[in-house]
């Protein structure tokens, strides 16, 4: 049954001249039929260069917005209308505007996990994969980093030459991890390397052999001769890696590392979105697209 639906999707994809983008956290049966799979940075770069008329995004709302900002002439559809991100809506643009008025010497760096409205008042956008490099390459010394305080703390620690203001926001899934979770996972699997996402709290990151984005974690495994790994990010990454490297063992750091919003999208959502009976078309004004694109373009420029 799954294969039948996948084949129908592939046929509809051709008919609609559609390119499917899928985040690494979504279900395997979706990533199998996607044209590009990756983390937020990889998908942002991919969205900018898509030749097709339509983009179908299998992820969450802010990611589909980013694709629309980068490809405003394309029809962009989010496979599941209900797939959101709690972190993306933690701060309103008005709060950032007020800060900038009081601190004109500060540049605003926003994690890509933000709304288009917040990107409009952002100087530079970053992803977990690009944050450190982008901030280091920025000429400004004073940085307001939002919304993820843990990713901000990681960047701050590795950029001592810059001055940071961090607001108390972040991913409720990664942010809920504790030092105890990391220690217990390491005690259960003493021969395994712990690889964690920088959205985890600093005390968790200190327990890790490697700290990096989703793509960074996967690249670490690609280049490692080790046979066992504890994966400190969304639980699906341990599953994906186990398929890719069946001779190696991958253990989730915690059974609670599950993003319900990323799991919202199903294969049937993809099918219905392509058949015209589901999905949510992303629409925004030309002004919003133009303003929001500046910080994303700046991210891509400073990531080179």
C-alpha atoms as a PDB file:
ATOM      1  CA  UNK A   1       0.000   0.000   0.000  1.00  0.00           C
ATOM      2  CA  UNK A   2       2.793   2.457   0.896  1.00  0.00           C
ATOM      3  CA  UNK A   3       4.625   1.705  -2.356  1.00  0.00           C
ATOM      4  CA  UNK A   4       1.408   2.260  -4.317  1.00  0.00           C
ATOM      5  CA  UNK A   5       0.928   5.703  -2.786  1.00  0.00           C
ATOM      6  CA  UNK A   6       4.577   6.563  -3.364  1.00  0.00           C
ATOM      7  CA  UNK A   7       4.256   5.653  -7.051  1.00  0.00           C
ATOM      8  CA  UNK A   8       1.139   7.820  -7.377  1.00  0.00           C
ATOM      9  CA  UNK A   9       3.008  10.709  -5.746  1.00  0.00           C
ATOM     10  CA  UNK A  10       5.922  10.346  -8.136  1.00  0.00           C
ATOM     11  CA  UNK A  11       3.522  10.412 -11.085  1.00  0.00           C
ATOM     12  CA  UNK A  12       1.715  13.495  -9.756  1.00  0.00           C
ATOM     13  CA  UNK A  13       5.077  15.140  -9.116  1.00  0.00           C
ATOM     14  CA  UNK A  14       5.919  14.845 -12.805  1.00  0.00           C
ATOM     15  CA  UNK A  15       2.508  16.079 -13.918  1.00  0.00           C
ATOM     16  CA  UNK A  16       2.619  19.140 -11.633  1.00  0.00           C
ATOM     17  CA  UNK A  17       6.301  19.903 -12.338  1.00  0.00           C
ATOM     18  CA  UNK A  18       6.854  19.746  -8.598  1.00  0.00           C
ATOM     19  CA  UNK A  19      10.028  19.527  -6.515  1.00  0.00           C
ATOM     20  CA  UNK A  20       9.615  17.894  -3.099  1.00  0.00           C
ATOM     21  CA  UNK A  21      11.697  19.223  -0.214  1.00  0.00           C
ATOM     22  CA  UNK A  22      11.696  17.131   2.967  1.00  0.00           C
ATOM     23  CA  UNK A  23      13.316  17.785   6.302  1.00  0.00           C
ATOM     24  CA  UNK A  24      15.380  14.944   7.744  1.00  0.00           C
ATOM     25  CA  UNK A  25      12.974  14.653  10.687  1.00  0.00           C
ATOM     26  CA  UNK A  26       9.930  13.567   8.656  1.00  0.00           C
ATOM     27  CA  UNK A  27       8.938   9.944   8.076  1.00  0.00           C
ATOM     28  CA  UNK A  28      11.155   7.663   5.979  1.00  0.00           C
ATOM     29  CA  UNK A  29       8.395   6.861   3.489  1.00  0.00           C
ATOM     30  CA  UNK A  30       8.355  10.605   2.667  1.00  0.00           C
ATOM     31  CA  UNK A  31      12.119  11.135   2.467  1.00  0.00           C
ATOM     32  CA  UNK A  32      12.275   8.166   0.072  1.00  0.00           C
ATOM     33  CA  UNK A  33      10.285  10.053  -2.579  1.00  0.00           C
ATOM     34  CA  UNK A  34      11.651  13.560  -1.915  1.00  0.00           C
ATOM     35  CA  UNK A  35      13.947  15.319  -4.382  1.00  0.00           C
ATOM     36  CA  UNK A  36      16.022  16.886  -1.615  1.00  0.00           C
ATOM     37  CA  UNK A  37      16.341  15.858   2.033  1.00  0.00           C
ATOM     38  CA  UNK A  38      18.289  17.766   4.643  1.00  0.00           C
ATOM     39  CA  UNK A  39      18.338  20.187   7.542  1.00  0.00           C
ATOM     40  CA  UNK A  40      17.147  23.795   7.425  1.00  0.00           C
ATOM     41  CA  UNK A  41      20.313  25.188   5.837  1.00  0.00           C
ATOM     42  CA  UNK A  42      20.550  22.503   3.150  1.00  0.00           C
ATOM     43  CA  UNK A  43      16.888  22.987   2.248  1.00  0.00           C
ATOM     44  CA  UNK A  44      17.246  26.778   2.172  1.00  0.00           C
ATOM     45  CA  UNK A  45      20.076  26.504  -0.346  1.00  0.00           C
ATOM     46  CA  UNK A  46      18.117  23.948  -2.381  1.00  0.00           C
ATOM     47  CA  UNK A  47      14.967  26.125  -2.432  1.00  0.00           C
ATOM     48  CA  UNK A  48      16.869  28.992  -4.029  1.00  0.00           C
ATOM     49  CA  UNK A  49      17.867  27.003  -7.106  1.00  0.00           C
ATOM     50  CA  UNK A  50      14.814  24.899  -7.948  1.00  0.00           C
ATOM     51  CA  UNK A  51      13.816  25.011 -11.652  1.00  0.00           C
ATOM     52  CA  UNK A  52      10.341  23.477 -11.185  1.00  0.00           C
ATOM     53  CA  UNK A  53       7.102  25.466 -11.118  1.00  0.00           C
ATOM     54  CA  UNK A  54       5.982  24.089  -7.768  1.00  0.00           C
ATOM     55  CA  UNK A  55       7.650  23.286  -4.440  1.00  0.00           C
ATOM     56  CA  UNK A  56       6.006  20.912  -1.988  1.00  0.00           C
ATOM     57  CA  UNK A  57       7.505  21.227   1.473  1.00  0.00           C
ATOM     58  CA  UNK A  58       7.401  18.337   3.922  1.00  0.00           C
ATOM     59  CA  UNK A  59       8.368  19.959   7.191  1.00  0.00           C
ATOM     60  CA  UNK A  60       6.929  22.813   9.242  1.00  0.00           C
ATOM     61  CA  UNK A  61       5.405  26.176   8.382  1.00  0.00           C
ATOM     62  CA  UNK A  62       8.436  28.459   8.795  1.00  0.00           C
ATOM     63  CA  UNK A  63      10.438  26.202   6.447  1.00  0.00           C
ATOM     64  CA  UNK A  64       7.818  26.488   3.708  1.00  0.00           C
ATOM     65  CA  UNK A  65       7.793  30.258   4.281  1.00  0.00           C
ATOM     66  CA  UNK A  66      11.561  30.306   3.803  1.00  0.00           C
ATOM     67  CA  UNK A  67      11.208  28.407   0.537  1.00  0.00           C
ATOM     68  CA  UNK A  68       8.618  30.959  -0.655  1.00  0.00           C
ATOM     69  CA  UNK A  69      10.888  33.857   0.341  1.00  0.00           C
ATOM     70  CA  UNK A  70      13.756  32.358  -1.659  1.00  0.00           C
ATOM     71  CA  UNK A  71      11.595  31.338  -4.633  1.00  0.00           C
ATOM     72  CA  UNK A  72       8.794  33.944  -4.725  1.00  0.00           C
ATOM     73  CA  UNK A  73       7.843  33.074  -8.305  1.00  0.00           C
ATOM     74  CA  UNK A  74       7.130  29.436  -7.412  1.00  0.00           C
ATOM     75  CA  UNK A  75       3.947  27.939  -6.052  1.00  0.00           C
ATOM     76  CA  UNK A  76       4.951  26.718  -2.582  1.00  0.00           C
ATOM     77  CA  UNK A  77       2.731  24.294  -0.697  1.00  0.00           C
ATOM     78  CA  UNK A  78       3.166  22.973   2.845  1.00  0.00           C
ATOM     79  CA  UNK A  79       2.087  19.324   2.867  1.00  0.00           C
ATOM     80  CA  UNK A  80       0.397  19.532   6.283  1.00  0.00           C
ATOM     81  CA  UNK A  81      -1.336  22.823   7.192  1.00  0.00           C
ATOM     82  CA  UNK A  82      -1.030  21.974  10.884  1.00  0.00           C
ATOM     83  CA  UNK A  83       2.742  21.462  11.032  1.00  0.00           C
ATOM     84  CA  UNK A  84       4.058  24.418  13.019  1.00  0.00           C
ATOM     85  CA  UNK A  85       7.060  25.156  15.237  1.00  0.00           C
ATOM     86  CA  UNK A  86       6.627  26.419  18.819  1.00  0.00           C
ATOM     87  CA  UNK A  87      10.009  28.164  18.707  1.00  0.00           C
ATOM     88  CA  UNK A  88       9.187  30.128  15.558  1.00  0.00           C
ATOM     89  CA  UNK A  89       6.493  32.221  17.225  1.00  0.00           C
ATOM     90  CA  UNK A  90       8.088  32.918  20.600  1.00  0.00           C
ATOM     91  CA  UNK A  91       8.906  36.576  19.890  1.00  0.00           C
ATOM     92  CA  UNK A  92       7.005  39.319  18.095  1.00  0.00           C
ATOM     93  CA  UNK A  93       8.659  41.723  15.635  1.00  0.00           C
ATOM     94  CA  UNK A  94       7.670  44.664  17.835  1.00  0.00           C
ATOM     95  CA  UNK A  95       9.981  43.471  20.605  1.00  0.00           C
ATOM     96  CA  UNK A  96      12.913  43.322  18.180  1.00  0.00           C
ATOM     97  CA  UNK A  97      12.110  46.759  16.757  1.00  0.00           C
ATOM     98  CA  UNK A  98      12.044  48.198  20.271  1.00  0.00           C
ATOM     99  CA  UNK A  99      15.417  46.608  21.090  1.00  0.00           C
ATOM    100  CA  UNK A 100      16.987  47.967  17.909  1.00  0.00           C
ATOM    101  CA  UNK A 101      15.755  51.479  18.708  1.00  0.00           C
ATOM    102  CA  UNK A 102      17.355  51.282  22.158  1.00  0.00           C
ATOM    103  CA  UNK A 103      20.525  49.508  20.931  1.00  0.00           C
ATOM    104  CA  UNK A 104      21.303  50.767  17.401  1.00  0.00           C
ATOM    105  CA  UNK A 105      24.820  49.310  17.565  1.00  0.00           C
ATOM    106  CA  UNK A 106      23.495  45.729  17.793  1.00  0.00           C
ATOM    107  CA  UNK A 107      22.893  43.485  14.797  1.00  0.00           C
ATOM    108  CA  UNK A 108      19.934  41.114  15.064  1.00  0.00           C
ATOM    109  CA  UNK A 109      20.715  37.482  14.258  1.00  0.00           C
ATOM    110  CA  UNK A 110      17.641  35.273  14.007  1.00  0.00           C
ATOM    111  CA  UNK A 111      17.580  31.517  13.848  1.00  0.00           C
ATOM    112  CA  UNK A 112      15.783  30.325  10.713  1.00  0.00           C
ATOM    113  CA  UNK A 113      13.125  28.899  13.062  1.00  0.00           C
ATOM    114  CA  UNK A 114      11.236  32.201  13.001  1.00  0.00           C
ATOM    115  CA  UNK A 115       8.256  33.660  11.176  1.00  0.00           C
ATOM    116  CA  UNK A 116       8.573  35.683   7.984  1.00  0.00           C
ATOM    117  CA  UNK A 117       7.454  38.749   9.976  1.00  0.00           C
ATOM    118  CA  UNK A 118      10.384  38.344  12.365  1.00  0.00           C
ATOM    119  CA  UNK A 119      12.800  37.812   9.491  1.00  0.00           C
ATOM    120  CA  UNK A 120      11.691  41.200   8.134  1.00  0.00           C
ATOM    121  CA  UNK A 121      13.292  42.929  11.152  1.00  0.00           C
ATOM    122  CA  UNK A 122      16.364  40.675  11.217  1.00  0.00           C
ATOM    123  CA  UNK A 123      19.809  41.637   9.921  1.00  0.00           C
ATOM    124  CA  UNK A 124      21.118  38.106   9.365  1.00  0.00           C
ATOM    125  CA  UNK A 125      19.365  34.756   9.490  1.00  0.00           C
ATOM    126  CA  UNK A 126      21.196  31.578  10.548  1.00  0.00           C
ATOM    127  CA  UNK A 127      20.629  27.847  10.825  1.00  0.00           C
ATOM    128  CA  UNK A 128      22.260  25.524  13.324  1.00  0.00           C
ATOM    129  CA  UNK A 129      24.628  24.422  10.559  1.00  0.00           C
ATOM    130  CA  UNK A 130      25.649  27.951   9.573  1.00  0.00           C
ATOM    131  CA  UNK A 131      25.303  29.981  12.793  1.00  0.00           C
ATOM    132  CA  UNK A 132      28.898  29.855  13.987  1.00  0.00           C
ATOM    133  CA  UNK A 133      30.418  30.629  10.592  1.00  0.00           C
ATOM    134  CA  UNK A 134      27.931  33.401   9.815  1.00  0.00           C
ATOM    135  CA  UNK A 135      28.415  35.189  13.134  1.00  0.00           C
ATOM    136  CA  UNK A 136      32.201  34.935  12.878  1.00  0.00           C
ATOM    137  CA  UNK A 137      32.042  36.439   9.376  1.00  0.00           C
ATOM    138  CA  UNK A 138      29.810  39.339  10.417  1.00  0.00           C
ATOM    139  CA  UNK A 139      31.562  42.714  10.763  1.00  0.00           C
ATOM    140  CA  UNK A 140      29.389  43.694  13.745  1.00  0.00           C
ATOM    141  CA  UNK A 141      30.710  43.023  17.246  1.00  0.00           C
ATOM    142  CA  UNK A 142      27.419  43.364  19.134  1.00  0.00           C
ATOM    143  CA  UNK A 143      24.824  40.657  18.522  1.00  0.00           C
ATOM    144  CA  UNK A 144      21.240  40.062  19.623  1.00  0.00           C
ATOM    145  CA  UNK A 145      20.732  36.327  19.004  1.00  0.00           C
ATOM    146  CA  UNK A 146      17.153  34.997  18.953  1.00  0.00           C
ATOM    147  CA  UNK A 147      15.131  32.926  19.635  1.00  0.00           C
ATOM    148  CA  UNK A 148      17.091  29.846  20.775  1.00  0.00           C
ATOM    149  CA  UNK A 149      19.100  30.602  23.909  1.00  0.00           C
ATOM    150  CA  UNK A 150      20.943  27.272  23.760  1.00  0.00           C
ATOM    151  CA  UNK A 151      22.122  27.704  20.182  1.00  0.00           C
ATOM    152  CA  UNK A 152      22.969  31.289  21.092  1.00  0.00           C
ATOM    153  CA  UNK A 153      25.002  30.111  24.087  1.00  0.00           C
ATOM    154  CA  UNK A 154      26.905  27.690  21.864  1.00  0.00           C
ATOM    155  CA  UNK A 155      27.729  30.435  19.348  1.00  0.00           C
ATOM    156  CA  UNK A 156      28.659  32.835  22.163  1.00  0.00           C
ATOM    157  CA  UNK A 157      31.070  30.331  23.699  1.00  0.00           C
ATOM    158  CA  UNK A 158      32.792  29.841  20.351  1.00  0.00           C
ATOM    159  CA  UNK A 159      32.851  33.547  19.434  1.00  0.00           C
ATOM    160  CA  UNK A 160      34.457  35.195  22.495  1.00  0.00           C
ATOM    161  CA  UNK A 161      35.399  38.194  20.357  1.00  0.00           C
ATOM    162  CA  UNK A 162      31.719  39.208  20.048  1.00  0.00           C
ATOM    163  CA  UNK A 163      29.255  40.653  22.580  1.00  0.00           C
ATOM    164  CA  UNK A 164      25.940  38.794  22.848  1.00  0.00           C
ATOM    165  CA  UNK A 165      22.475  39.451  24.173  1.00  0.00           C
ATOM    166  CA  UNK A 166      20.368  36.284  24.391  1.00  0.00           C
ATOM    167  CA  UNK A 167      16.638  36.062  24.982  1.00  0.00           C
ATOM    168  CA  UNK A 168      15.065  33.129  26.781  1.00  0.00           C
ATOM    169  CA  UNK A 169      13.506  31.111  23.973  1.00  0.00           C
ATOM    170  CA  UNK A 170      14.199  27.839  22.240  1.00  0.00           C
ATOM    171  CA  UNK A 171      13.134  24.404  21.104  1.00  0.00           C
ATOM    172  CA  UNK A 172      10.893  22.741  23.710  1.00  0.00           C
ATOM    173  CA  UNK A 173      12.108  19.285  22.622  1.00  0.00           C
ATOM    174  CA  UNK A 174      15.893  19.778  22.577  1.00  0.00           C
ATOM    175  CA  UNK A 175      15.665  22.301  25.409  1.00  0.00           C
ATOM    176  CA  UNK A 176      14.032  19.775  27.731  1.00  0.00           C
ATOM    177  CA  UNK A 177      17.058  17.496  27.645  1.00  0.00           C
ATOM    178  CA  UNK A 178      19.107  17.324  30.834  1.00  0.00           C
ATOM    179  CA  UNK A 179      22.631  16.461  31.862  1.00  0.00           C
ATOM    180  CA  UNK A 180      21.146  13.374  33.502  1.00  0.00           C
ATOM    181  CA  UNK A 181      19.721  12.256  30.128  1.00  0.00           C
ATOM    182  CA  UNK A 182      23.169  12.497  28.567  1.00  0.00           C
ATOM    183  CA  UNK A 183      24.954  10.747  31.451  1.00  0.00           C
ATOM    184  CA  UNK A 184      22.401   7.922  31.559  1.00  0.00           C
ATOM    185  CA  UNK A 185      22.662   7.372  27.799  1.00  0.00           C
ATOM    186  CA  UNK A 186      26.452   7.236  28.035  1.00  0.00           C
ATOM    187  CA  UNK A 187      26.278   4.779  30.937  1.00  0.00           C
ATOM    188  CA  UNK A 188      23.942   2.502  28.965  1.00  0.00           C
ATOM    189  CA  UNK A 189      26.224   2.609  25.928  1.00  0.00           C
ATOM    190  CA  UNK A 190      29.758   3.203  27.259  1.00  0.00           C
ATOM    191  CA  UNK A 191      31.414   2.524  23.903  1.00  0.00           C
ATOM    192  CA  UNK A 192      29.283   4.991  21.950  1.00  0.00           C
ATOM    193  CA  UNK A 193      30.116   8.558  20.931  1.00  0.00           C
ATOM    194  CA  UNK A 194      27.514  11.127  22.006  1.00  0.00           C
ATOM    195  CA  UNK A 195      26.590  13.542  19.191  1.00  0.00           C
ATOM    196  CA  UNK A 196      24.237  16.371  20.145  1.00  0.00           C
ATOM    197  CA  UNK A 197      22.409  19.272  18.541  1.00  0.00           C
ATOM    198  CA  UNK A 198      23.354  22.769  19.831  1.00  0.00           C
ATOM    199  CA  UNK A 199      19.681  23.419  20.655  1.00  0.00           C
ATOM    200  CA  UNK A 200      20.356  21.201  23.689  1.00  0.00           C
ATOM    201  CA  UNK A 201      21.301  22.987  26.943  1.00  0.00           C
ATOM    202  CA  UNK A 202      25.020  23.715  27.552  1.00  0.00           C
ATOM    203  CA  UNK A 203      25.292  21.094  30.302  1.00  0.00           C
ATOM    204  CA  UNK A 204      24.160  18.447  27.785  1.00  0.00           C
ATOM    205  CA  UNK A 205      26.553  19.710  25.122  1.00  0.00           C
ATOM    206  CA  UNK A 206      29.459  19.429  27.565  1.00  0.00           C
ATOM    207  CA  UNK A 207      28.872  15.675  27.704  1.00  0.00           C
ATOM    208  CA  UNK A 208      29.162  15.318  23.918  1.00  0.00           C
ATOM    209  CA  UNK A 209      31.978  14.157  21.683  1.00  0.00           C
ATOM    210  CA  UNK A 210      30.537  16.347  18.940  1.00  0.00           C
ATOM    211  CA  UNK A 211      28.083  19.270  18.811  1.00  0.00           C
ATOM    212  CA  UNK A 212      26.477  20.108  15.486  1.00  0.00           C
ATOM    213  CA  UNK A 213      23.447  20.493  13.276  1.00  0.00           C
ATOM    214  CA  UNK A 214      21.465  17.587  11.885  1.00  0.00           C
ATOM    215  CA  UNK A 215      23.642  17.547   8.765  1.00  0.00           C
ATOM    216  CA  UNK A 216      26.741  17.979  10.914  1.00  0.00           C
ATOM    217  CA  UNK A 217      25.834  14.946  13.012  1.00  0.00           C
ATOM    218  CA  UNK A 218      25.223  12.871   9.916  1.00  0.00           C
ATOM    219  CA  UNK A 219      28.488  14.038   8.339  1.00  0.00           C
ATOM    220  CA  UNK A 220      30.339  13.150  11.531  1.00  0.00           C
ATOM    221  CA  UNK A 221      29.055   9.584  11.268  1.00  0.00           C
ATOM    222  CA  UNK A 222      29.914   9.506   7.552  1.00  0.00           C
ATOM    223  CA  UNK A 223      33.548  10.277   8.354  1.00  0.00           C
ATOM    224  CA  UNK A 224      33.918   8.220  11.518  1.00  0.00           C
ATOM    225  CA  UNK A 225      35.299   4.725  11.967  1.00  0.00           C
ATOM    226  CA  UNK A 226      33.412   4.321  15.245  1.00  0.00           C
ATOM    227  CA  UNK A 227      30.706   1.676  15.396  1.00  0.00           C
ATOM    228  CA  UNK A 228      28.355   3.075  18.072  1.00  0.00           C
ATOM    229  CA  UNK A 229      26.727   6.472  18.439  1.00  0.00           C
ATOM    230  CA  UNK A 230      24.249   8.124  20.788  1.00  0.00           C
ATOM    231  CA  UNK A 231      22.210  10.639  18.792  1.00  0.00           C
ATOM    232  CA  UNK A 232      21.212  13.753  20.729  1.00  0.00           C
ATOM    233  CA  UNK A 233      18.650  15.174  18.335  1.00  0.00           C
ATOM    234  CA  UNK A 234      15.243  14.206  16.945  1.00  0.00           C
ATOM    235  CA  UNK A 235      14.814  10.472  17.230  1.00  0.00           C
ATOM    236  CA  UNK A 236      14.305   9.961  13.472  1.00  0.00           C
ATOM    237  CA  UNK A 237      17.972  10.756  12.794  1.00  0.00           C
ATOM    238  CA  UNK A 238      19.073   7.654  14.698  1.00  0.00           C
ATOM    239  CA  UNK A 239      16.634   5.665  12.551  1.00  0.00           C
ATOM    240  CA  UNK A 240      17.861   7.217   9.284  1.00  0.00           C
ATOM    241  CA  UNK A 241      21.484   6.526  10.183  1.00  0.00           C
ATOM    242  CA  UNK A 242      20.707   2.928  11.110  1.00  0.00           C
ATOM    243  CA  UNK A 243      19.305   2.361   7.601  1.00  0.00           C
ATOM    244  CA  UNK A 244      22.346   3.984   6.029  1.00  0.00           C
ATOM    245  CA  UNK A 245      24.862   2.102   8.172  1.00  0.00           C
ATOM    246  CA  UNK A 246      23.305  -1.250   9.171  1.00  0.00           C
ATOM    247  CA  UNK A 247      26.676  -2.459  10.457  1.00  0.00           C
ATOM    248  CA  UNK A 248      26.719   0.317  13.089  1.00  0.00           C
ATOM    249  CA  UNK A 249      24.557   0.916  16.162  1.00  0.00           C
ATOM    250  CA  UNK A 250      22.672   4.153  16.829  1.00  0.00           C
ATOM    251  CA  UNK A 251      20.886   4.971  20.077  1.00  0.00           C
ATOM    252  CA  UNK A 252      18.582   7.956  20.741  1.00  0.00           C
ATOM    253  CA  UNK A 253      19.843   9.969  23.707  1.00  0.00           C
ATOM    254  CA  UNK A 254      16.271  10.069  25.008  1.00  0.00           C
ATOM    255  CA  UNK A 255      12.954   8.552  23.995  1.00  0.00           C
ATOM    256  CA  UNK A 256      11.480  12.037  24.498  1.00  0.00           C
ATOM    257  CA  UNK A 257      13.396  13.537  21.565  1.00  0.00           C
ATOM    258  CA  UNK A 258      10.351  13.434  19.301  1.00  0.00           C
ATOM    259  CA  UNK A 259       9.019  16.471  17.429  1.00  0.00           C
ATOM    260  CA  UNK A 260       5.264  16.040  17.106  1.00  0.00           C
ATOM    261  CA  UNK A 261       5.088  18.831  14.526  1.00  0.00           C
ATOM    262  CA  UNK A 262       7.603  17.107  12.254  1.00  0.00           C
ATOM    263  CA  UNK A 263       5.657  13.871  12.636  1.00  0.00           C
ATOM    264  CA  UNK A 264       2.445  15.701  11.667  1.00  0.00           C
ATOM    265  CA  UNK A 265       3.120  15.239   7.939  1.00  0.00           C
ATOM    266  CA  UNK A 266       2.095  11.864   6.538  1.00  0.00           C
ATOM    267  CA  UNK A 267       2.555  10.256   3.143  1.00  0.00           C
ATOM    268  CA  UNK A 268      -1.153  10.785   2.514  1.00  0.00           C
ATOM    269  CA  UNK A 269      -0.718  14.513   3.221  1.00  0.00           C
ATOM    270  CA  UNK A 270       1.868  14.577   0.449  1.00  0.00           C
ATOM    271  CA  UNK A 271      -0.481  12.753  -1.909  1.00  0.00           C
ATOM    272  CA  UNK A 272      -3.450  15.015  -1.117  1.00  0.00           C
ATOM    273  CA  UNK A 273      -1.351  18.167  -1.451  1.00  0.00           C
ATOM    274  CA  UNK A 274      -0.250  17.095  -4.927  1.00  0.00           C
ATOM    275  CA  UNK A 275      -3.722  15.967  -5.980  1.00  0.00           C
ATOM    276  CA  UNK A 276      -5.177  19.338  -4.965  1.00  0.00           C
ATOM    277  CA  UNK A 277      -7.319  18.126  -2.066  1.00  0.00           C
ATOM    278  CA  UNK A 278      -4.980  19.105   0.767  1.00  0.00           C
ATOM    279  CA  UNK A 279      -1.943  21.087   1.777  1.00  0.00           C
ATOM    280  CA  UNK A 280      -1.564  24.810   2.409  1.00  0.00           C
ATOM    281  CA  UNK A 281      -0.312  27.180  -0.261  1.00  0.00           C
ATOM    282  CA  UNK A 282       2.115  29.710   1.210  1.00  0.00           C
ATOM    283  CA  UNK A 283       1.258  33.258   0.201  1.00  0.00           C
ATOM    284  CA  UNK A 284       2.870  36.526   1.270  1.00  0.00           C
ATOM    285  CA  UNK A 285       3.050  40.058   0.009  1.00  0.00           C
ATOM    286  CA  UNK A 286       5.826  41.229  -2.271  1.00  0.00           C
ATOM    287  CA  UNK A 287       6.952  43.639   0.460  1.00  0.00           C
ATOM    288  CA  UNK A 288       7.272  40.864   3.074  1.00  0.00           C
ATOM    289  CA  UNK A 289       9.098  38.625   0.617  1.00  0.00           C
ATOM    290  CA  UNK A 290      11.564  41.377  -0.237  1.00  0.00           C
ATOM    291  CA  UNK A 291      12.239  42.374   3.381  1.00  0.00           C
ATOM    292  CA  UNK A 292      12.505  38.799   4.679  1.00  0.00           C
ATOM    293  CA  UNK A 293      14.775  37.679   1.850  1.00  0.00           C
ATOM    294  CA  UNK A 294      17.560  40.080   2.840  1.00  0.00           C
ATOM    295  CA  UNK A 295      18.545  38.244   6.027  1.00  0.00           C
ATOM    296  CA  UNK A 296      18.405  34.831   4.319  1.00  0.00           C
ATOM    297  CA  UNK A 297      20.468  36.008   1.355  1.00  0.00           C
ATOM    298  CA  UNK A 298      22.940  37.459   3.847  1.00  0.00           C
ATOM    299  CA  UNK A 299      23.148  34.074   5.595  1.00  0.00           C
ATOM    300  CA  UNK A 300      23.945  32.296   2.343  1.00  0.00           C
ATOM    301  CA  UNK A 301      26.543  34.953   1.467  1.00  0.00           C
ATOM    302  CA  UNK A 302      28.296  34.791   4.846  1.00  0.00           C
ATOM    303  CA  UNK A 303      28.211  30.977   4.850  1.00  0.00           C
ATOM    304  CA  UNK A 304      30.521  30.715   1.829  1.00  0.00           C
END
